[in-house]
Amino acid sequence: MILTVTANAAIDKRYVVTSFDVGSVNRVKSVELSAGGKGLNVSRTARIAGEDVIATGFLGGHSGEFIQEKLKAEGVREDFIWCIGETRSCINIWDENHHTQTEFLEPGARATQQNQDSLVKKFTELAADCSVAAISGSMPEGCTPELYKRMLAAGKKAGKKVILDTSGKTLEECLDDHPFMIKPNIDEIQMLVGRKLNPDDTKELLDAAKELHARGIPAVVISLGSSGSLMSCGEGAFQALVPRIDAVNTVGCGDAMIGGFCTGIARGLSMPESLKLASAVSAAAAMTNRTGFFRMEDMKKLEPQIEIRKLR
């Protein structure tokens, strides 16, 4: 069983327009709604891959009920903490003419201290029956990094592997709580190691990842977008090379990668094997319009084409 935490869930709304013009009326050609927030994208991709998933976090209002129904239809079990207020919406506008995406992210409804205490308790209860957990994304108003630190401590006490996929101050403050895995991008890993890195220098990037690994993070994965990813873990240092694809929607591909890692870990795969699976899931997710979604036939076609190189 895989456990996901989405503290700042959302209804993801994808608008397709012919051309997005600032300051004028834009007519939408099509609209797609989905249960969103990084952790729910992780939930969906792991479920498509065939794993049992249970999702928790904060929900509120009619938007929360919509998300609840969407998850039920997708076969994802849920056990959320309900808050006063409305779960947010996140809008993604796809411009067909210019092939650009514009995002509008609403703030989340406030979570009280009582809500946060309830979530930590819920996480602890649910983690007991799960082999791996993923804490993903931002937090709503009222929360501090202490919320994630408490869940990481609970997971560690229970002997569970907890992946942390967040950013900024929250990621930085949680490093000393030793999540099982983090997945920083270039900007984030520069912040964490406190120096400028050359994004084209594999050795320099791996040195930075190894530095974080030495601080007690069992697996550090650096995402490089279409250039693949790098990983430093107890089994060595690895590079994932992905084939060229016709990307349709790259929003949520990082979440799909986390879903792939959760799937691999839940199946008892090695970290290099999990990296290969996660890379295939992420690439397949870029080939669909839906956020946090992929087609199994795409993933199965891509996986043999993913090259995993051991660099150290």
C-alpha atoms as a PDB file:
ATOM      1  CA  MET A   1       0.000   0.000   0.000  1.00  0.00           C
ATOM      2  CA  ILE A   2       1.179   3.524  -0.855  1.00  0.00           C
ATOM      3  CA  LEU A   3       0.229   6.526   1.285  1.00  0.00           C
ATOM      4  CA  THR A   4       0.155  10.039  -0.180  1.00  0.00           C
ATOM      5  CA  VAL A   5      -0.216  13.359   1.610  1.00  0.00           C
ATOM      6  CA  THR A   6      -1.629  16.418  -0.150  1.00  0.00           C
ATOM      7  CA  ALA A   7      -1.865  19.277   2.326  1.00  0.00           C
ATOM      8  CA  ASN A   8      -2.838  21.778  -0.386  1.00  0.00           C
ATOM      9  CA  ALA A   9      -5.170  19.848  -2.692  1.00  0.00           C
ATOM     10  CA  ALA A  10      -6.894  21.572  -5.604  1.00  0.00           C
ATOM     11  CA  ILE A  11      -9.302  21.163  -8.456  1.00  0.00           C
ATOM     12  CA  ASP A  12      -7.035  21.342 -11.502  1.00  0.00           C
ATOM     13  CA  LYS A  13      -8.748  23.148 -14.379  1.00  0.00           C
ATOM     14  CA  ARG A  14      -7.114  22.927 -17.798  1.00  0.00           C
ATOM     15  CA  TYR A  15      -8.351  25.462 -20.347  1.00  0.00           C
ATOM     16  CA  VAL A  16      -7.431  25.055 -24.011  1.00  0.00           C
ATOM     17  CA  VAL A  17      -7.498  28.291 -26.029  1.00  0.00           C
ATOM     18  CA  THR A  18      -6.460  29.043 -29.586  1.00  0.00           C
ATOM     19  CA  SER A  19      -4.386  32.025 -28.472  1.00  0.00           C
ATOM     20  CA  PHE A  20      -4.091  33.460 -24.952  1.00  0.00           C
ATOM     21  CA  ASP A  21      -4.239  37.257 -25.144  1.00  0.00           C
ATOM     22  CA  VAL A  22      -3.591  39.263 -21.985  1.00  0.00           C
ATOM     23  CA  GLY A  23      -6.072  42.099 -21.432  1.00  0.00           C
ATOM     24  CA  SER A  24      -8.761  40.772 -23.785  1.00  0.00           C
ATOM     25  CA  VAL A  25     -11.599  38.230 -23.824  1.00  0.00           C
ATOM     26  CA  ASN A  26     -10.335  34.664 -24.314  1.00  0.00           C
ATOM     27  CA  ARG A  27     -12.802  32.002 -25.391  1.00  0.00           C
ATOM     28  CA  VAL A  28     -12.077  28.522 -24.081  1.00  0.00           C
ATOM     29  CA  LYS A  29     -12.284  25.633 -26.574  1.00  0.00           C
ATOM     30  CA  SER A  30     -12.336  22.857 -23.963  1.00  0.00           C
ATOM     31  CA  VAL A  31     -12.170  22.412 -20.191  1.00  0.00           C
ATOM     32  CA  GLU A  32     -10.853  19.460 -18.210  1.00  0.00           C
ATOM     33  CA  LEU A  33     -11.272  19.113 -14.437  1.00  0.00           C
ATOM     34  CA  SER A  34      -9.313  16.740 -12.238  1.00  0.00           C
ATOM     35  CA  ALA A  35      -8.442  16.120  -8.600  1.00  0.00           C
ATOM     36  CA  GLY A  36      -5.191  18.004  -8.243  1.00  0.00           C
ATOM     37  CA  GLY A  37      -2.398  18.931  -5.923  1.00  0.00           C
ATOM     38  CA  LYS A  38       0.969  17.202  -6.185  1.00  0.00           C
ATOM     39  CA  GLY A  39       0.142  14.330  -3.854  1.00  0.00           C
ATOM     40  CA  LEU A  40      -3.060  13.487  -5.703  1.00  0.00           C
ATOM     41  CA  ASN A  41      -1.133  13.378  -8.976  1.00  0.00           C
ATOM     42  CA  VAL A  42       1.201  10.903  -7.265  1.00  0.00           C
ATOM     43  CA  SER A  43      -1.830   8.909  -6.101  1.00  0.00           C
ATOM     44  CA  ARG A  44      -3.340   8.715  -9.564  1.00  0.00           C
ATOM     45  CA  THR A  45      -0.172   7.621 -11.335  1.00  0.00           C
ATOM     46  CA  ALA A  46       0.632   4.948  -8.748  1.00  0.00           C
ATOM     47  CA  ARG A  47      -2.929   3.651  -9.012  1.00  0.00           C
ATOM     48  CA  ILE A  48      -2.739   3.497 -12.823  1.00  0.00           C
ATOM     49  CA  ALA A  49       0.483   1.516 -12.399  1.00  0.00           C
ATOM     50  CA  GLY A  50      -1.556  -1.035 -10.457  1.00  0.00           C
ATOM     51  CA  GLU A  51      -0.754  -0.214  -6.828  1.00  0.00           C
ATOM     52  CA  ASP A  52      -3.175   0.180  -3.932  1.00  0.00           C
ATOM     53  CA  VAL A  53      -3.121   3.799  -2.800  1.00  0.00           C
ATOM     54  CA  ILE A  54      -4.673   5.728   0.071  1.00  0.00           C
ATOM     55  CA  ALA A  55      -4.618   9.532   0.031  1.00  0.00           C
ATOM     56  CA  THR A  56      -4.849  11.938   2.941  1.00  0.00           C
ATOM     57  CA  GLY A  57      -4.402  15.667   3.505  1.00  0.00           C
ATOM     58  CA  PHE A  58      -6.813  18.578   3.851  1.00  0.00           C
ATOM     59  CA  LEU A  59     -10.096  19.113   1.976  1.00  0.00           C
ATOM     60  CA  GLY A  60     -12.951  21.581   2.377  1.00  0.00           C
ATOM     61  CA  GLY A  61     -16.294  22.634   0.930  1.00  0.00           C
ATOM     62  CA  HIS A  62     -17.913  21.666  -2.366  1.00  0.00           C
ATOM     63  CA  SER A  63     -14.532  21.551  -4.092  1.00  0.00           C
ATOM     64  CA  GLY A  64     -13.390  18.994  -1.534  1.00  0.00           C
ATOM     65  CA  GLU A  65     -16.452  16.871  -2.236  1.00  0.00           C
ATOM     66  CA  PHE A  66     -15.687  17.042  -5.968  1.00  0.00           C
ATOM     67  CA  ILE A  67     -12.142  15.794  -5.320  1.00  0.00           C
ATOM     68  CA  GLN A  68     -13.466  13.032  -3.094  1.00  0.00           C
ATOM     69  CA  GLU A  69     -15.771  11.796  -5.868  1.00  0.00           C
ATOM     70  CA  LYS A  70     -13.020  12.002  -8.492  1.00  0.00           C
ATOM     71  CA  LEU A  71     -10.677   9.895  -6.373  1.00  0.00           C
ATOM     72  CA  LYS A  72     -13.395   7.324  -5.779  1.00  0.00           C
ATOM     73  CA  ALA A  73     -13.985   7.041  -9.542  1.00  0.00           C
ATOM     74  CA  GLU A  74     -10.237   6.577 -10.087  1.00  0.00           C
ATOM     75  CA  GLY A  75      -9.958   3.795  -7.529  1.00  0.00           C
ATOM     76  CA  VAL A  76      -7.929   5.796  -5.007  1.00  0.00           C
ATOM     77  CA  ARG A  77      -8.957   5.316  -1.394  1.00  0.00           C
ATOM     78  CA  GLU A  78      -9.060   8.513   0.658  1.00  0.00           C
ATOM     79  CA  ASP A  79      -9.167   9.538   4.310  1.00  0.00           C
ATOM     80  CA  PHE A  80      -8.872  13.320   4.507  1.00  0.00           C
ATOM     81  CA  ILE A  81      -9.071  15.862   7.306  1.00  0.00           C
ATOM     82  CA  TRP A  82     -11.907  18.288   6.597  1.00  0.00           C
ATOM     83  CA  CYS A  83     -11.317  22.009   7.136  1.00  0.00           C
ATOM     84  CA  ILE A  84     -13.572  25.045   7.200  1.00  0.00           C
ATOM     85  CA  GLY A  85     -13.325  26.848   3.871  1.00  0.00           C
ATOM     86  CA  GLU A  86     -13.148  25.857   0.224  1.00  0.00           C
ATOM     87  CA  THR A  87     -10.425  23.752  -1.364  1.00  0.00           C
ATOM     88  CA  ARG A  88      -8.630  25.848  -3.966  1.00  0.00           C
ATOM     89  CA  SER A  89      -8.585  25.660  -7.758  1.00  0.00           C
ATOM     90  CA  CYS A  90      -5.498  25.770  -9.977  1.00  0.00           C
ATOM     91  CA  ILE A  91      -5.945  26.892 -13.569  1.00  0.00           C
ATOM     92  CA  ASN A  92      -3.675  25.891 -16.441  1.00  0.00           C
ATOM     93  CA  ILE A  93      -4.178  27.662 -19.774  1.00  0.00           C
ATOM     94  CA  TRP A  94      -2.820  25.924 -22.866  1.00  0.00           C
ATOM     95  CA  ASP A  95      -2.212  28.224 -25.832  1.00  0.00           C
ATOM     96  CA  GLU A  96      -2.414  26.124 -29.012  1.00  0.00           C
ATOM     97  CA  ASN A  97      -0.849  28.704 -31.311  1.00  0.00           C
ATOM     98  CA  HIS A  98       2.194  29.474 -29.182  1.00  0.00           C
ATOM     99  CA  HIS A  99       2.493  26.116 -27.390  1.00  0.00           C
ATOM    100  CA  THR A 100       2.740  27.840 -24.004  1.00  0.00           C
ATOM    101  CA  GLN A 101       1.204  27.100 -20.621  1.00  0.00           C
ATOM    102  CA  THR A 102       0.117  29.751 -18.119  1.00  0.00           C
ATOM    103  CA  GLU A 103      -0.811  28.778 -14.571  1.00  0.00           C
ATOM    104  CA  PHE A 104      -2.925  30.506 -11.921  1.00  0.00           C
ATOM    105  CA  LEU A 105      -2.605  28.942  -8.465  1.00  0.00           C
ATOM    106  CA  GLU A 106      -5.102  29.944  -5.773  1.00  0.00           C
ATOM    107  CA  PRO A 107      -4.050  29.960  -2.106  1.00  0.00           C
ATOM    108  CA  GLY A 108      -5.417  27.089  -0.045  1.00  0.00           C
ATOM    109  CA  ALA A 109      -8.031  27.410   2.695  1.00  0.00           C
ATOM    110  CA  ARG A 110      -6.560  27.891   6.172  1.00  0.00           C
ATOM    111  CA  ALA A 111      -5.740  24.778   8.226  1.00  0.00           C
ATOM    112  CA  THR A 112      -6.052  25.271  11.987  1.00  0.00           C
ATOM    113  CA  GLN A 113      -3.642  23.796  14.512  1.00  0.00           C
ATOM    114  CA  GLN A 114      -6.324  21.258  15.376  1.00  0.00           C
ATOM    115  CA  ASN A 115      -6.557  20.306  11.685  1.00  0.00           C
ATOM    116  CA  GLN A 116      -2.794  19.862  11.564  1.00  0.00           C
ATOM    117  CA  ASP A 117      -2.700  17.740  14.713  1.00  0.00           C
ATOM    118  CA  SER A 118      -5.453  15.570  13.223  1.00  0.00           C
ATOM    119  CA  LEU A 119      -3.484  15.112   9.995  1.00  0.00           C
ATOM    120  CA  VAL A 120      -0.333  14.017  11.836  1.00  0.00           C
ATOM    121  CA  LYS A 121      -2.404  11.509  13.800  1.00  0.00           C
ATOM    122  CA  LYS A 122      -4.093  10.277  10.601  1.00  0.00           C
ATOM    123  CA  PHE A 123      -0.739   9.947   8.825  1.00  0.00           C
ATOM    124  CA  THR A 124       0.650   7.887  11.704  1.00  0.00           C
ATOM    125  CA  GLU A 125      -2.354   5.549  11.657  1.00  0.00           C
ATOM    126  CA  LEU A 126      -2.367   5.073   7.878  1.00  0.00           C
ATOM    127  CA  ALA A 127       1.405   4.682   7.555  1.00  0.00           C
ATOM    128  CA  ALA A 128       1.272   1.562   9.721  1.00  0.00           C
ATOM    129  CA  ASP A 129      -0.246  -0.379   6.804  1.00  0.00           C
ATOM    130  CA  CYS A 130       1.874   1.180   4.033  1.00  0.00           C
ATOM    131  CA  SER A 131       5.344   0.354   2.730  1.00  0.00           C
ATOM    132  CA  VAL A 132       6.070   3.843   1.403  1.00  0.00           C
ATOM    133  CA  ALA A 133       4.605   7.321   1.804  1.00  0.00           C
ATOM    134  CA  ALA A 134       4.953  10.506  -0.246  1.00  0.00           C
ATOM    135  CA  ILE A 135       4.458  13.983   1.205  1.00  0.00           C
ATOM    136  CA  SER A 136       4.057  16.326  -1.740  1.00  0.00           C
ATOM    137  CA  GLY A 137       3.591  19.980  -2.510  1.00  0.00           C
ATOM    138  CA  SER A 138       2.951  23.161  -0.609  1.00  0.00           C
ATOM    139  CA  MET A 139       0.944  23.754   2.542  1.00  0.00           C
ATOM    140  CA  PRO A 140      -2.132  25.944   3.017  1.00  0.00           C
ATOM    141  CA  GLU A 141      -2.277  29.099   5.101  1.00  0.00           C
ATOM    142  CA  GLY A 142      -1.745  28.477   8.800  1.00  0.00           C
ATOM    143  CA  CYS A 143       0.866  25.747   8.333  1.00  0.00           C
ATOM    144  CA  THR A 144       4.617  25.845   8.899  1.00  0.00           C
ATOM    145  CA  PRO A 145       7.344  23.320   7.987  1.00  0.00           C
ATOM    146  CA  GLU A 146       6.740  21.807  11.419  1.00  0.00           C
ATOM    147  CA  LEU A 147       3.738  19.948   9.950  1.00  0.00           C
ATOM    148  CA  TYR A 148       5.925  18.019   7.500  1.00  0.00           C
ATOM    149  CA  LYS A 149       8.671  17.561  10.093  1.00  0.00           C
ATOM    150  CA  ARG A 150       6.191  15.882  12.445  1.00  0.00           C
ATOM    151  CA  MET A 151       5.012  13.485   9.737  1.00  0.00           C
ATOM    152  CA  LEU A 152       8.586  12.661   8.733  1.00  0.00           C
ATOM    153  CA  ALA A 153       9.382  11.897  12.373  1.00  0.00           C
ATOM    154  CA  ALA A 154       6.293   9.678  12.644  1.00  0.00           C
ATOM    155  CA  GLY A 155       7.257   7.799   9.480  1.00  0.00           C
ATOM    156  CA  LYS A 156      10.824   7.322  10.676  1.00  0.00           C
ATOM    157  CA  LYS A 157       9.627   6.033  14.058  1.00  0.00           C
ATOM    158  CA  ALA A 158       7.419   3.492  12.262  1.00  0.00           C
ATOM    159  CA  GLY A 159      10.318   2.397  10.035  1.00  0.00           C
ATOM    160  CA  LYS A 160       8.636   3.623   6.835  1.00  0.00           C
ATOM    161  CA  LYS A 161      10.216   5.122   3.729  1.00  0.00           C
ATOM    162  CA  VAL A 162       8.861   8.652   3.344  1.00  0.00           C
ATOM    163  CA  ILE A 163       9.530  10.607   0.141  1.00  0.00           C
ATOM    164  CA  LEU A 164       9.398  14.400   0.469  1.00  0.00           C
ATOM    165  CA  ASP A 165       8.653  16.433  -2.653  1.00  0.00           C
ATOM    166  CA  THR A 166       8.353  20.084  -1.701  1.00  0.00           C
ATOM    167  CA  SER A 167      10.391  23.252  -2.186  1.00  0.00           C
ATOM    168  CA  GLY A 168      11.816  26.406  -0.661  1.00  0.00           C
ATOM    169  CA  LYS A 169      12.095  26.932   3.065  1.00  0.00           C
ATOM    170  CA  THR A 170      10.018  23.834   3.803  1.00  0.00           C
ATOM    171  CA  LEU A 171      12.404  21.543   1.923  1.00  0.00           C
ATOM    172  CA  GLU A 172      15.432  23.191   3.505  1.00  0.00           C
ATOM    173  CA  GLU A 173      14.073  22.913   7.052  1.00  0.00           C
ATOM    174  CA  CYS A 174      13.057  19.269   6.620  1.00  0.00           C
ATOM    175  CA  LEU A 175      16.472  17.991   5.513  1.00  0.00           C
ATOM    176  CA  ASP A 176      17.559  17.301   9.083  1.00  0.00           C
ATOM    177  CA  ASP A 177      14.513  15.024   9.464  1.00  0.00           C
ATOM    178  CA  HIS A 178      16.061  12.731   6.835  1.00  0.00           C
ATOM    179  CA  PRO A 179      13.288  11.918   4.363  1.00  0.00           C
ATOM    180  CA  PHE A 180      14.001   8.717   2.431  1.00  0.00           C
ATOM    181  CA  MET A 181      14.125  10.586  -0.871  1.00  0.00           C
ATOM    182  CA  ILE A 182      14.026  14.131  -2.193  1.00  0.00           C
ATOM    183  CA  LYS A 183      13.756  15.265  -5.829  1.00  0.00           C
ATOM    184  CA  PRO A 184      15.111  18.814  -6.160  1.00  0.00           C
ATOM    185  CA  ASN A 185      15.408  20.625  -9.461  1.00  0.00           C
ATOM    186  CA  ILE A 186      18.495  22.686 -10.325  1.00  0.00           C
ATOM    187  CA  ASP A 187      17.364  25.824  -8.475  1.00  0.00           C
ATOM    188  CA  GLU A 188      16.414  23.841  -5.382  1.00  0.00           C
ATOM    189  CA  ILE A 189      19.638  21.853  -5.120  1.00  0.00           C
ATOM    190  CA  GLN A 190      21.645  25.072  -5.534  1.00  0.00           C
ATOM    191  CA  MET A 191      19.719  26.481  -2.576  1.00  0.00           C
ATOM    192  CA  LEU A 192      20.321  23.344  -0.516  1.00  0.00           C
ATOM    193  CA  VAL A 193      24.088  23.188  -1.077  1.00  0.00           C
ATOM    194  CA  GLY A 194      24.525  26.970  -1.008  1.00  0.00           C
ATOM    195  CA  ARG A 195      26.366  27.432  -4.293  1.00  0.00           C
ATOM    196  CA  LYS A 196      25.834  27.955  -8.009  1.00  0.00           C
ATOM    197  CA  LEU A 197      25.937  24.789 -10.114  1.00  0.00           C
ATOM    198  CA  ASN A 198      26.487  24.266 -13.824  1.00  0.00           C
ATOM    199  CA  PRO A 199      23.345  22.443 -15.052  1.00  0.00           C
ATOM    200  CA  ASP A 200      25.385  20.866 -17.868  1.00  0.00           C
ATOM    201  CA  ASP A 201      28.117  19.499 -15.589  1.00  0.00           C
ATOM    202  CA  THR A 202      27.068  15.997 -14.537  1.00  0.00           C
ATOM    203  CA  LYS A 203      29.987  15.593 -12.117  1.00  0.00           C
ATOM    204  CA  GLU A 204      29.205  18.868 -10.382  1.00  0.00           C
ATOM    205  CA  LEU A 205      25.531  17.960 -10.010  1.00  0.00           C
ATOM    206  CA  LEU A 206      26.328  14.482  -8.697  1.00  0.00           C
ATOM    207  CA  ASP A 207      28.790  15.935  -6.200  1.00  0.00           C
ATOM    208  CA  ALA A 208      25.977  18.137  -4.887  1.00  0.00           C
ATOM    209  CA  ALA A 209      23.584  15.178  -4.719  1.00  0.00           C
ATOM    210  CA  LYS A 210      26.228  13.089  -2.939  1.00  0.00           C
ATOM    211  CA  GLU A 211      26.715  15.923  -0.460  1.00  0.00           C
ATOM    212  CA  LEU A 212      23.022  15.787   0.456  1.00  0.00           C
ATOM    213  CA  HIS A 213      23.124  11.987   0.537  1.00  0.00           C
ATOM    214  CA  ALA A 214      25.986  12.221   3.048  1.00  0.00           C
ATOM    215  CA  ARG A 215      23.776  14.405   5.245  1.00  0.00           C
ATOM    216  CA  GLY A 216      21.457  11.463   5.798  1.00  0.00           C
ATOM    217  CA  ILE A 217      19.138  11.473   2.766  1.00  0.00           C
ATOM    218  CA  PRO A 218      19.184   7.865   1.434  1.00  0.00           C
ATOM    219  CA  ALA A 219      18.228   8.891  -2.124  1.00  0.00           C
ATOM    220  CA  VAL A 220      18.671  12.240  -3.870  1.00  0.00           C
ATOM    221  CA  VAL A 221      17.216  12.556  -7.370  1.00  0.00           C
ATOM    222  CA  ILE A 222      17.889  15.656  -9.471  1.00  0.00           C
ATOM    223  CA  SER A 223      15.263  16.158 -12.148  1.00  0.00           C
ATOM    224  CA  LEU A 224      16.546  17.593 -15.429  1.00  0.00           C
ATOM    225  CA  GLY A 225      13.311  17.677 -17.432  1.00  0.00           C
ATOM    226  CA  SER A 226      13.697  16.326 -20.953  1.00  0.00           C
ATOM    227  CA  SER A 227      17.372  15.606 -20.201  1.00  0.00           C
ATOM    228  CA  GLY A 228      16.416  12.892 -17.726  1.00  0.00           C
ATOM    229  CA  SER A 229      17.645  12.773 -14.140  1.00  0.00           C
ATOM    230  CA  LEU A 230      20.540  11.965 -11.838  1.00  0.00           C
ATOM    231  CA  MET A 231      20.421   9.946  -8.619  1.00  0.00           C
ATOM    232  CA  SER A 232      22.774   9.470  -5.703  1.00  0.00           C
ATOM    233  CA  CYS A 233      21.824   6.668  -3.316  1.00  0.00           C
ATOM    234  CA  GLY A 234      23.295   3.829  -1.285  1.00  0.00           C
ATOM    235  CA  GLU A 235      23.649   1.730  -4.457  1.00  0.00           C
ATOM    236  CA  GLY A 236      25.783   4.345  -6.221  1.00  0.00           C
ATOM    237  CA  ALA A 237      25.336   7.283  -8.589  1.00  0.00           C
ATOM    238  CA  PHE A 238      23.130   6.878 -11.655  1.00  0.00           C
ATOM    239  CA  GLN A 239      21.925   8.766 -14.703  1.00  0.00           C
ATOM    240  CA  ALA A 240      18.583   8.140 -16.404  1.00  0.00           C
ATOM    241  CA  LEU A 241      18.480   8.950 -20.119  1.00  0.00           C
ATOM    242  CA  VAL A 242      15.048   9.193 -21.711  1.00  0.00           C
ATOM    243  CA  PRO A 243      14.120   8.970 -25.409  1.00  0.00           C
ATOM    244  CA  ARG A 244      12.825  11.966 -27.310  1.00  0.00           C
ATOM    245  CA  ILE A 245       9.028  12.151 -27.087  1.00  0.00           C
ATOM    246  CA  ASP A 246       6.250  14.375 -28.405  1.00  0.00           C
ATOM    247  CA  ALA A 247       5.389  16.155 -25.156  1.00  0.00           C
ATOM    248  CA  VAL A 248       1.813  17.400 -24.898  1.00  0.00           C
ATOM    249  CA  ASN A 249       1.584  18.480 -21.249  1.00  0.00           C
ATOM    250  CA  THR A 250       4.550  18.562 -18.874  1.00  0.00           C
ATOM    251  CA  VAL A 251       2.589  19.791 -15.838  1.00  0.00           C
ATOM    252  CA  GLY A 252       2.632  17.076 -13.187  1.00  0.00           C
ATOM    253  CA  CYS A 253       5.409  15.006 -14.765  1.00  0.00           C
ATOM    254  CA  GLY A 254       7.513  15.400 -11.637  1.00  0.00           C
ATOM    255  CA  ASP A 255       4.595  14.079  -9.596  1.00  0.00           C
ATOM    256  CA  ALA A 256       4.281  11.157 -12.000  1.00  0.00           C
ATOM    257  CA  MET A 257       7.955  10.408 -11.374  1.00  0.00           C
ATOM    258  CA  ILE A 258       7.299  10.295  -7.623  1.00  0.00           C
ATOM    259  CA  GLY A 259       4.359   7.970  -8.312  1.00  0.00           C
ATOM    260  CA  GLY A 260       6.721   5.739 -10.268  1.00  0.00           C
ATOM    261  CA  PHE A 261       9.264   5.703  -7.452  1.00  0.00           C
ATOM    262  CA  CYS A 262       6.535   4.845  -4.930  1.00  0.00           C
ATOM    263  CA  THR A 263       5.438   1.993  -7.187  1.00  0.00           C
ATOM    264  CA  GLY A 264       8.960   0.630  -7.537  1.00  0.00           C
ATOM    265  CA  ILE A 265       9.650   0.849  -3.809  1.00  0.00           C
ATOM    266  CA  ALA A 266       6.302  -0.790  -2.968  1.00  0.00           C
ATOM    267  CA  ARG A 267       7.243  -3.662  -5.306  1.00  0.00           C
ATOM    268  CA  GLY A 268      10.641  -4.118  -3.683  1.00  0.00           C
ATOM    269  CA  LEU A 269      12.638  -2.971  -6.716  1.00  0.00           C
ATOM    270  CA  SER A 270      16.171  -1.647  -6.351  1.00  0.00           C
ATOM    271  CA  MET A 271      16.612   2.126  -6.578  1.00  0.00           C
ATOM    272  CA  PRO A 272      18.112   1.948 -10.122  1.00  0.00           C
ATOM    273  CA  GLU A 273      15.150  -0.206 -11.199  1.00  0.00           C
ATOM    274  CA  SER A 274      12.776   2.236  -9.527  1.00  0.00           C
ATOM    275  CA  LEU A 275      14.502   5.122 -11.330  1.00  0.00           C
ATOM    276  CA  LYS A 276      13.907   3.407 -14.663  1.00  0.00           C
ATOM    277  CA  LEU A 277      10.235   2.794 -13.896  1.00  0.00           C
ATOM    278  CA  ALA A 278       9.760   6.335 -12.583  1.00  0.00           C
ATOM    279  CA  SER A 279      11.411   7.819 -15.679  1.00  0.00           C
ATOM    280  CA  ALA A 280       9.105   5.819 -17.953  1.00  0.00           C
ATOM    281  CA  VAL A 281       5.995   6.882 -16.014  1.00  0.00           C
ATOM    282  CA  SER A 282       7.088  10.537 -16.090  1.00  0.00           C
ATOM    283  CA  ALA A 283       7.786  10.479 -19.839  1.00  0.00           C
ATOM    284  CA  ALA A 284       4.470   8.742 -20.531  1.00  0.00           C
ATOM    285  CA  ALA A 285       2.670  11.393 -18.465  1.00  0.00           C
ATOM    286  CA  ALA A 286       4.061  14.117 -20.741  1.00  0.00           C
ATOM    287  CA  MET A 287       2.342  12.447 -23.704  1.00  0.00           C
ATOM    288  CA  THR A 288      -1.218  13.089 -22.463  1.00  0.00           C
ATOM    289  CA  ASN A 289      -3.316  16.220 -21.961  1.00  0.00           C
ATOM    290  CA  ARG A 290      -4.415  15.161 -18.478  1.00  0.00           C
ATOM    291  CA  THR A 291      -2.297  16.219 -15.520  1.00  0.00           C
ATOM    292  CA  GLY A 292      -0.980  13.404 -13.345  1.00  0.00           C
ATOM    293  CA  PHE A 293      -2.108  10.729 -15.784  1.00  0.00           C
ATOM    294  CA  PHE A 294      -0.478   8.313 -18.208  1.00  0.00           C
ATOM    295  CA  ARG A 295      -1.408   5.433 -20.482  1.00  0.00           C
ATOM    296  CA  MET A 296       0.050   2.056 -19.564  1.00  0.00           C
ATOM    297  CA  GLU A 297       0.736   1.251 -23.214  1.00  0.00           C
ATOM    298  CA  ASP A 298       2.905   4.391 -23.492  1.00  0.00           C
ATOM    299  CA  MET A 299       4.798   3.530 -20.324  1.00  0.00           C
ATOM    300  CA  LYS A 300       5.422  -0.067 -21.392  1.00  0.00           C
ATOM    301  CA  LYS A 301       6.700   1.121 -24.761  1.00  0.00           C
ATOM    302  CA  LEU A 302       9.013   3.704 -23.191  1.00  0.00           C
ATOM    303  CA  GLU A 303      10.453   1.680 -20.315  1.00  0.00           C
ATOM    304  CA  PRO A 304      12.765  -0.518 -22.461  1.00  0.00           C
ATOM    305  CA  GLN A 305      14.094   2.678 -24.074  1.00  0.00           C
ATOM    306  CA  ILE A 306      15.112   4.240 -20.748  1.00  0.00           C
ATOM    307  CA  GLU A 307      18.864   3.884 -20.240  1.00  0.00           C
ATOM    308  CA  ILE A 308      20.205   3.756 -16.685  1.00  0.00           C
ATOM    309  CA  ARG A 309      23.941   4.398 -16.471  1.00  0.00           C
ATOM    310  CA  LYS A 310      25.942   3.773 -13.316  1.00  0.00           C
ATOM    311  CA  LEU A 311      28.394   6.650 -13.024  1.00  0.00           C
ATOM    312  CA  ARG A 312      30.010   5.867  -9.677  1.00  0.00           C
END
